[in-house]
Amino acid sequence: MSKLIKKTFSGLIDLIFPEKNSCLVCGYWDESIGEDYICKECLYKFKNIKGHNCKICSKPLITSGDICIECIETPKSFEKIYTPYKYEGLIRDVIKDYKYKNKPYYYKMLGELLYKYIKEIDIDFDIISYVPLHKNKKKKRGYNQSELMAKYLGKKLDIPCERLIERVVDTKPQNQLKREDRVKNLKNTFMAVKNLQSQNILIVDDVYTTGTTLNECSKSLLKVEVENIYGLTIAR
């Protein structure tokens, strides 16, 4: 019975939010959109990260070096962050709507963009996971936006997607804090919930800003002796 209810509910969601052939951003309908969930005009407004970038955090560089000053001054616990877009303009508005304006169905559009992006990357990982929300915040929002994208990717790539990290402290929102306060805010916030010795992990999140969240998540996974940790975000 539960499977029937779940299938019925999924059908109702598709009816209320008819994504196929429809751009979720502007509402334009065209058969060429298919299951990309975004039209060419809106996608064109998403600005790709191009050129010479930091080999750790993907920050665009104007010098000839391979690592940005932030990654030199603050060593990271992850191997590399992969991200296709600059966090500006339309993509910034889309991500904010996805997180804060009750548009969980955006995960298909953003997940599909991540899927196409990661298919072009030479990266090897065994398990997909995501940055967790504290149970209080998830209850208030109704969903974890990073979890939805991660599960979409796992299904498309046929790679296990698992909850590997728990957020044990209900912290202040990172976007309300200065750079120097973000590390203090997240210290001892995350805990690995599974033994992952010698596994390569991909952690999905929505936005890379200072890298504090993904770095703290990575620290928790290193305590259970994972092999390598990579991050994947929509924008930075």
C-alpha atoms as a PDB file:
ATOM      1  CA  MET A   1       0.000   0.000   0.000  1.00  0.00           C
ATOM      2  CA  SER A   2       2.830   2.390   0.837  1.00  0.00           C
ATOM      3  CA  LYS A   3       4.315   1.923  -2.667  1.00  0.00           C
ATOM      4  CA  LEU A   4       0.935   2.707  -4.212  1.00  0.00           C
ATOM      5  CA  ILE A   5       0.588   5.864  -2.127  1.00  0.00           C
ATOM      6  CA  LYS A   6       4.120   6.917  -3.042  1.00  0.00           C
ATOM      7  CA  LYS A   7       3.446   6.346  -6.743  1.00  0.00           C
ATOM      8  CA  THR A   8       0.162   8.252  -6.562  1.00  0.00           C
ATOM      9  CA  PHE A   9       1.806  11.152  -4.742  1.00  0.00           C
ATOM     10  CA  SER A  10       4.608  11.258  -7.329  1.00  0.00           C
ATOM     11  CA  GLY A  11       2.006  11.381 -10.080  1.00  0.00           C
ATOM     12  CA  LEU A  12       0.229  14.286  -8.393  1.00  0.00           C
ATOM     13  CA  ILE A  13       3.504  16.196  -8.088  1.00  0.00           C
ATOM     14  CA  ASP A  14       4.186  15.701 -11.801  1.00  0.00           C
ATOM     15  CA  LEU A  15       0.671  16.951 -12.516  1.00  0.00           C
ATOM     16  CA  ILE A  16       1.065  20.074 -10.375  1.00  0.00           C
ATOM     17  CA  PHE A  17       4.581  20.755 -11.626  1.00  0.00           C
ATOM     18  CA  PRO A  18       4.638  19.476 -15.240  1.00  0.00           C
ATOM     19  CA  GLU A  19       8.380  19.554 -15.891  1.00  0.00           C
ATOM     20  CA  LYS A  20       8.826  17.561 -19.092  1.00  0.00           C
ATOM     21  CA  ASN A  21       9.246  19.862 -22.113  1.00  0.00           C
ATOM     22  CA  SER A  22       8.767  22.831 -19.787  1.00  0.00           C
ATOM     23  CA  CYS A  23      11.418  25.242 -18.497  1.00  0.00           C
ATOM     24  CA  LEU A  24      11.157  25.362 -14.709  1.00  0.00           C
ATOM     25  CA  VAL A  25      12.738  28.810 -14.666  1.00  0.00           C
ATOM     26  CA  CYS A  26      10.618  30.814 -17.113  1.00  0.00           C
ATOM     27  CA  GLY A  27       7.773  28.409 -17.908  1.00  0.00           C
ATOM     28  CA  TYR A  28       8.498  28.265 -21.639  1.00  0.00           C
ATOM     29  CA  TRP A  29       7.231  25.038 -23.230  1.00  0.00           C
ATOM     30  CA  ASP A  30       8.933  23.288 -26.115  1.00  0.00           C
ATOM     31  CA  GLU A  31       9.397  19.637 -27.018  1.00  0.00           C
ATOM     32  CA  SER A  32      13.141  20.197 -27.431  1.00  0.00           C
ATOM     33  CA  ILE A  33      13.457  20.848 -23.675  1.00  0.00           C
ATOM     34  CA  GLY A  34      12.521  17.265 -22.855  1.00  0.00           C
ATOM     35  CA  GLU A  35      13.841  16.216 -19.462  1.00  0.00           C
ATOM     36  CA  ASP A  36      16.480  18.950 -19.239  1.00  0.00           C
ATOM     37  CA  TYR A  37      13.838  21.090 -17.489  1.00  0.00           C
ATOM     38  CA  ILE A  38      15.417  24.327 -18.721  1.00  0.00           C
ATOM     39  CA  CYS A  39      15.241  26.211 -22.026  1.00  0.00           C
ATOM     40  CA  LYS A  40      18.297  27.295 -24.002  1.00  0.00           C
ATOM     41  CA  GLU A  41      17.671  30.973 -23.282  1.00  0.00           C
ATOM     42  CA  CYS A  42      17.710  30.498 -19.501  1.00  0.00           C
ATOM     43  CA  LEU A  43      20.643  28.104 -19.609  1.00  0.00           C
ATOM     44  CA  TYR A  44      22.627  30.655 -21.620  1.00  0.00           C
ATOM     45  CA  LYS A  45      22.285  33.040 -18.658  1.00  0.00           C
ATOM     46  CA  PHE A  46      24.071  30.572 -16.358  1.00  0.00           C
ATOM     47  CA  LYS A  47      27.703  31.704 -16.499  1.00  0.00           C
ATOM     48  CA  ASN A  48      30.211  28.863 -16.757  1.00  0.00           C
ATOM     49  CA  ILE A  49      33.464  28.847 -14.840  1.00  0.00           C
ATOM     50  CA  LYS A  50      36.155  28.798 -17.494  1.00  0.00           C
ATOM     51  CA  GLY A  51      39.866  29.286 -17.903  1.00  0.00           C
ATOM     52  CA  HIS A  52      42.643  28.823 -15.361  1.00  0.00           C
ATOM     53  CA  ASN A  53      41.256  27.734 -11.981  1.00  0.00           C
ATOM     54  CA  CYS A  54      42.551  26.674  -8.580  1.00  0.00           C
ATOM     55  CA  LYS A  55      43.162  22.914  -8.720  1.00  0.00           C
ATOM     56  CA  ILE A  56      41.581  22.512  -5.273  1.00  0.00           C
ATOM     57  CA  CYS A  57      38.553  24.832  -5.064  1.00  0.00           C
ATOM     58  CA  SER A  58      38.042  25.766  -8.761  1.00  0.00           C
ATOM     59  CA  LYS A  59      38.329  29.493  -8.056  1.00  0.00           C
ATOM     60  CA  PRO A  60      39.271  31.395 -11.249  1.00  0.00           C
ATOM     61  CA  LEU A  61      42.901  32.529 -11.053  1.00  0.00           C
ATOM     62  CA  ILE A  62      44.551  35.576 -12.554  1.00  0.00           C
ATOM     63  CA  THR A  63      48.078  34.370 -11.711  1.00  0.00           C
ATOM     64  CA  SER A  64      50.073  31.508 -13.186  1.00  0.00           C
ATOM     65  CA  GLY A  65      49.973  29.445  -9.993  1.00  0.00           C
ATOM     66  CA  ASP A  66      47.817  26.336  -9.557  1.00  0.00           C
ATOM     67  CA  ILE A  67      46.433  27.037  -6.081  1.00  0.00           C
ATOM     68  CA  CYS A  68      44.592  30.135  -4.846  1.00  0.00           C
ATOM     69  CA  ILE A  69      45.756  32.066  -1.789  1.00  0.00           C
ATOM     70  CA  GLU A  70      42.760  30.886   0.281  1.00  0.00           C
ATOM     71  CA  CYS A  71      43.640  27.220  -0.251  1.00  0.00           C
ATOM     72  CA  ILE A  72      47.305  27.916   0.533  1.00  0.00           C
ATOM     73  CA  GLU A  73      46.508  29.754   3.763  1.00  0.00           C
ATOM     74  CA  THR A  74      43.776  27.324   4.806  1.00  0.00           C
ATOM     75  CA  PRO A  75      44.619  23.759   3.727  1.00  0.00           C
ATOM     76  CA  LYS A  76      41.551  21.734   2.755  1.00  0.00           C
ATOM     77  CA  SER A  77      40.548  18.252   3.888  1.00  0.00           C
ATOM     78  CA  PHE A  78      39.060  17.413   0.475  1.00  0.00           C
ATOM     79  CA  GLU A  79      40.940  16.688  -2.740  1.00  0.00           C
ATOM     80  CA  LYS A  80      39.035  18.983  -5.073  1.00  0.00           C
ATOM     81  CA  ILE A  81      35.778  20.835  -5.591  1.00  0.00           C
ATOM     82  CA  TYR A  82      34.052  20.598  -8.962  1.00  0.00           C
ATOM     83  CA  THR A  83      31.549  23.269  -9.923  1.00  0.00           C
ATOM     84  CA  PRO A  84      30.224  24.362 -13.349  1.00  0.00           C
ATOM     85  CA  TYR A  85      28.776  27.843 -12.740  1.00  0.00           C
ATOM     86  CA  LYS A  86      29.533  31.222 -11.204  1.00  0.00           C
ATOM     87  CA  TYR A  87      27.195  32.096  -8.345  1.00  0.00           C
ATOM     88  CA  GLU A  88      25.744  35.205  -9.922  1.00  0.00           C
ATOM     89  CA  GLY A  89      22.766  36.400 -11.948  1.00  0.00           C
ATOM     90  CA  LEU A  90      20.036  33.932 -12.821  1.00  0.00           C
ATOM     91  CA  ILE A  91      21.673  30.818 -11.339  1.00  0.00           C
ATOM     92  CA  ARG A  92      21.926  32.586  -7.981  1.00  0.00           C
ATOM     93  CA  ASP A  93      18.215  33.423  -8.108  1.00  0.00           C
ATOM     94  CA  VAL A  94      17.363  29.846  -9.077  1.00  0.00           C
ATOM     95  CA  ILE A  95      19.356  28.372  -6.189  1.00  0.00           C
ATOM     96  CA  LYS A  96      17.802  30.766  -3.692  1.00  0.00           C
ATOM     97  CA  ASP A  97      14.316  29.891  -4.948  1.00  0.00           C
ATOM     98  CA  TYR A  98      15.186  26.191  -4.737  1.00  0.00           C
ATOM     99  CA  LYS A  99      16.290  26.506  -1.118  1.00  0.00           C
ATOM    100  CA  TYR A 100      14.058  29.167   0.355  1.00  0.00           C
ATOM    101  CA  LYS A 101      10.896  29.424  -1.748  1.00  0.00           C
ATOM    102  CA  ASN A 102       9.625  25.850  -1.519  1.00  0.00           C
ATOM    103  CA  LYS A 103      10.619  24.665  -4.983  1.00  0.00           C
ATOM    104  CA  PRO A 104      12.012  21.188  -4.278  1.00  0.00           C
ATOM    105  CA  TYR A 105      11.175  20.064  -7.830  1.00  0.00           C
ATOM    106  CA  TYR A 106      14.100  22.187  -9.076  1.00  0.00           C
ATOM    107  CA  TYR A 107      16.297  19.233  -8.108  1.00  0.00           C
ATOM    108  CA  LYS A 108      15.583  17.591 -11.478  1.00  0.00           C
ATOM    109  CA  MET A 109      16.823  20.581 -13.458  1.00  0.00           C
ATOM    110  CA  LEU A 110      19.885  21.188 -11.283  1.00  0.00           C
ATOM    111  CA  GLY A 111      20.583  17.483 -10.876  1.00  0.00           C
ATOM    112  CA  GLU A 112      20.498  17.007 -14.639  1.00  0.00           C
ATOM    113  CA  LEU A 113      22.964  19.880 -15.092  1.00  0.00           C
ATOM    114  CA  LEU A 114      25.308  18.285 -12.556  1.00  0.00           C
ATOM    115  CA  TYR A 115      24.914  14.903 -14.233  1.00  0.00           C
ATOM    116  CA  LYS A 116      25.921  16.259 -17.641  1.00  0.00           C
ATOM    117  CA  TYR A 117      28.798  18.183 -16.084  1.00  0.00           C
ATOM    118  CA  ILE A 118      30.243  15.291 -14.102  1.00  0.00           C
ATOM    119  CA  LYS A 119      30.049  12.926 -17.071  1.00  0.00           C
ATOM    120  CA  GLU A 120      32.755  15.075 -18.688  1.00  0.00           C
ATOM    121  CA  ILE A 121      35.057  14.932 -15.646  1.00  0.00           C
ATOM    122  CA  ASP A 122      37.799  12.400 -14.984  1.00  0.00           C
ATOM    123  CA  ILE A 123      36.890  11.511 -11.398  1.00  0.00           C
ATOM    124  CA  ASP A 124      36.511   8.197  -9.605  1.00  0.00           C
ATOM    125  CA  PHE A 125      34.276   7.750  -6.552  1.00  0.00           C
ATOM    126  CA  ASP A 126      32.486   4.873  -4.867  1.00  0.00           C
ATOM    127  CA  ILE A 127      29.680   6.591  -2.973  1.00  0.00           C
ATOM    128  CA  ILE A 128      27.710   9.825  -3.378  1.00  0.00           C
ATOM    129  CA  SER A 129      26.637  11.708  -0.280  1.00  0.00           C
ATOM    130  CA  TYR A 130      25.506  15.236   0.575  1.00  0.00           C
ATOM    131  CA  VAL A 131      25.847  18.029   3.096  1.00  0.00           C
ATOM    132  CA  PRO A 132      23.236  17.284   5.770  1.00  0.00           C
ATOM    133  CA  LEU A 133      20.744  19.682   7.304  1.00  0.00           C
ATOM    134  CA  HIS A 134      20.054  19.585  11.014  1.00  0.00           C
ATOM    135  CA  LYS A 135      16.780  17.792  11.691  1.00  0.00           C
ATOM    136  CA  ASN A 136      15.169  21.027  12.907  1.00  0.00           C
ATOM    137  CA  LYS A 137      16.022  22.920   9.737  1.00  0.00           C
ATOM    138  CA  LYS A 138      14.992  20.029   7.499  1.00  0.00           C
ATOM    139  CA  LYS A 139      11.654  19.797   9.288  1.00  0.00           C
ATOM    140  CA  LYS A 140      11.079  23.520   8.795  1.00  0.00           C
ATOM    141  CA  ARG A 141      12.103  23.554   5.111  1.00  0.00           C
ATOM    142  CA  GLY A 142      10.584  20.187   4.305  1.00  0.00           C
ATOM    143  CA  TYR A 143      13.543  18.884   2.289  1.00  0.00           C
ATOM    144  CA  ASN A 144      17.307  18.958   1.960  1.00  0.00           C
ATOM    145  CA  GLN A 145      18.131  20.518  -1.408  1.00  0.00           C
ATOM    146  CA  SER A 146      21.588  18.885  -1.551  1.00  0.00           C
ATOM    147  CA  GLU A 147      20.163  15.468  -0.720  1.00  0.00           C
ATOM    148  CA  LEU A 148      17.641  15.673  -3.568  1.00  0.00           C
ATOM    149  CA  MET A 149      20.357  16.469  -6.117  1.00  0.00           C
ATOM    150  CA  ALA A 150      22.651  13.776  -4.740  1.00  0.00           C
ATOM    151  CA  LYS A 151      19.972  11.095  -4.978  1.00  0.00           C
ATOM    152  CA  TYR A 152      19.142  12.196  -8.520  1.00  0.00           C
ATOM    153  CA  LEU A 153      22.823  11.838  -9.460  1.00  0.00           C
ATOM    154  CA  GLY A 154      23.087   8.467  -7.792  1.00  0.00           C
ATOM    155  CA  LYS A 155      20.172   7.153  -9.794  1.00  0.00           C
ATOM    156  CA  LYS A 156      21.470   8.540 -13.094  1.00  0.00           C
ATOM    157  CA  LEU A 157      25.025   7.300 -12.525  1.00  0.00           C
ATOM    158  CA  ASP A 158      23.987   4.016 -10.895  1.00  0.00           C
ATOM    159  CA  ILE A 159      26.230   4.777  -7.923  1.00  0.00           C
ATOM    160  CA  PRO A 160      25.053   4.376  -4.301  1.00  0.00           C
ATOM    161  CA  CYS A 161      23.853   7.573  -2.626  1.00  0.00           C
ATOM    162  CA  GLU A 162      23.975   7.334   1.149  1.00  0.00           C
ATOM    163  CA  ARG A 163      23.635   9.502   4.241  1.00  0.00           C
ATOM    164  CA  LEU A 164      27.207   9.420   5.521  1.00  0.00           C
ATOM    165  CA  ILE A 165      27.287  12.541   7.680  1.00  0.00           C
ATOM    166  CA  GLU A 166      25.032  13.786  10.460  1.00  0.00           C
ATOM    167  CA  ARG A 167      24.687  17.398  11.510  1.00  0.00           C
ATOM    168  CA  VAL A 168      24.681  17.144  15.293  1.00  0.00           C
ATOM    169  CA  VAL A 169      24.495  20.864  16.082  1.00  0.00           C
ATOM    170  CA  ASP A 170      21.799  23.281  14.883  1.00  0.00           C
ATOM    171  CA  THR A 171      24.048  26.176  13.887  1.00  0.00           C
ATOM    172  CA  LYS A 172      23.404  29.691  12.657  1.00  0.00           C
ATOM    173  CA  PRO A 173      23.012  30.012   8.852  1.00  0.00           C
ATOM    174  CA  GLN A 174      26.451  30.359   7.260  1.00  0.00           C
ATOM    175  CA  ASN A 175      25.302  33.082   4.864  1.00  0.00           C
ATOM    176  CA  GLN A 176      24.709  35.395   7.827  1.00  0.00           C
ATOM    177  CA  LEU A 177      28.312  35.162   9.047  1.00  0.00           C
ATOM    178  CA  LYS A 178      31.642  36.682   8.105  1.00  0.00           C
ATOM    179  CA  ARG A 179      34.364  34.431   6.701  1.00  0.00           C
ATOM    180  CA  GLU A 180      36.284  34.239   9.995  1.00  0.00           C
ATOM    181  CA  ASP A 181      33.150  33.295  11.940  1.00  0.00           C
ATOM    182  CA  ARG A 182      32.097  30.452   9.642  1.00  0.00           C
ATOM    183  CA  VAL A 183      34.734  28.016  10.848  1.00  0.00           C
ATOM    184  CA  LYS A 184      33.848  28.664  14.494  1.00  0.00           C
ATOM    185  CA  ASN A 185      30.170  28.252  13.710  1.00  0.00           C
ATOM    186  CA  LEU A 186      30.659  24.783  12.186  1.00  0.00           C
ATOM    187  CA  LYS A 187      33.354  23.404  14.488  1.00  0.00           C
ATOM    188  CA  ASN A 188      32.356  19.921  15.732  1.00  0.00           C
ATOM    189  CA  THR A 189      29.042  20.216  13.872  1.00  0.00           C
ATOM    190  CA  PHE A 190      29.349  17.124  11.659  1.00  0.00           C
ATOM    191  CA  MET A 191      29.832  13.458  12.482  1.00  0.00           C
ATOM    192  CA  ALA A 192      30.400  10.502  10.161  1.00  0.00           C
ATOM    193  CA  VAL A 193      27.775   7.801  10.678  1.00  0.00           C
ATOM    194  CA  LYS A 194      29.391   4.911   8.825  1.00  0.00           C
ATOM    195  CA  ASN A 195      32.750   3.168   8.535  1.00  0.00           C
ATOM    196  CA  LEU A 196      34.093   4.101   5.104  1.00  0.00           C
ATOM    197  CA  GLN A 197      37.688   2.918   5.145  1.00  0.00           C
ATOM    198  CA  SER A 198      39.428   3.192   1.734  1.00  0.00           C
ATOM    199  CA  GLN A 199      36.319   4.559  -0.019  1.00  0.00           C
ATOM    200  CA  ASN A 200      36.283   7.545  -2.410  1.00  0.00           C
ATOM    201  CA  ILE A 201      33.414   9.884  -1.579  1.00  0.00           C
ATOM    202  CA  LEU A 202      31.649  12.599  -3.595  1.00  0.00           C
ATOM    203  CA  ILE A 203      29.823  15.158  -1.425  1.00  0.00           C
ATOM    204  CA  VAL A 204      27.090  17.195  -3.134  1.00  0.00           C
ATOM    205  CA  ASP A 205      26.107  20.697  -2.029  1.00  0.00           C
ATOM    206  CA  ASP A 206      24.385  23.641  -3.693  1.00  0.00           C
ATOM    207  CA  VAL A 207      26.945  26.466  -3.429  1.00  0.00           C
ATOM    208  CA  TYR A 208      30.640  26.754  -2.616  1.00  0.00           C
ATOM    209  CA  THR A 209      31.375  30.047  -0.859  1.00  0.00           C
ATOM    210  CA  THR A 210      34.312  29.874   1.550  1.00  0.00           C
ATOM    211  CA  GLY A 211      34.463  26.083   1.535  1.00  0.00           C
ATOM    212  CA  THR A 212      33.960  25.867   5.299  1.00  0.00           C
ATOM    213  CA  THR A 213      30.944  23.553   5.163  1.00  0.00           C
ATOM    214  CA  LEU A 214      32.468  21.035   2.764  1.00  0.00           C
ATOM    215  CA  ASN A 215      35.761  21.173   4.613  1.00  0.00           C
ATOM    216  CA  GLU A 216      34.146  20.385   7.967  1.00  0.00           C
ATOM    217  CA  CYS A 217      32.154  17.559   6.395  1.00  0.00           C
ATOM    218  CA  SER A 218      35.374  16.200   4.926  1.00  0.00           C
ATOM    219  CA  LYS A 219      37.108  16.303   8.310  1.00  0.00           C
ATOM    220  CA  SER A 220      34.380  14.119   9.771  1.00  0.00           C
ATOM    221  CA  LEU A 221      34.832  11.559   6.975  1.00  0.00           C
ATOM    222  CA  LEU A 222      38.608  11.482   7.355  1.00  0.00           C
ATOM    223  CA  LYS A 223      38.096  10.305  10.914  1.00  0.00           C
ATOM    224  CA  VAL A 224      36.638   7.072   9.513  1.00  0.00           C
ATOM    225  CA  GLU A 225      39.588   6.702   7.135  1.00  0.00           C
ATOM    226  CA  VAL A 226      38.063   7.373   3.746  1.00  0.00           C
ATOM    227  CA  GLU A 227      40.518   7.391   0.841  1.00  0.00           C
ATOM    228  CA  ASN A 228      39.623  10.585  -1.044  1.00  0.00           C
ATOM    229  CA  ILE A 229      36.881  13.200  -0.762  1.00  0.00           C
ATOM    230  CA  TYR A 230      35.598  15.310  -3.635  1.00  0.00           C
ATOM    231  CA  GLY A 231      32.970  18.028  -3.618  1.00  0.00           C
ATOM    232  CA  LEU A 232      30.395  18.874  -6.264  1.00  0.00           C
ATOM    233  CA  THR A 233      28.325  22.053  -6.240  1.00  0.00           C
ATOM    234  CA  ILE A 234      26.128  23.817  -8.771  1.00  0.00           C
ATOM    235  CA  ALA A 235      27.924  27.139  -8.369  1.00  0.00           C
ATOM    236  CA  ARG A 236      30.648  29.028  -6.569  1.00  0.00           C
END
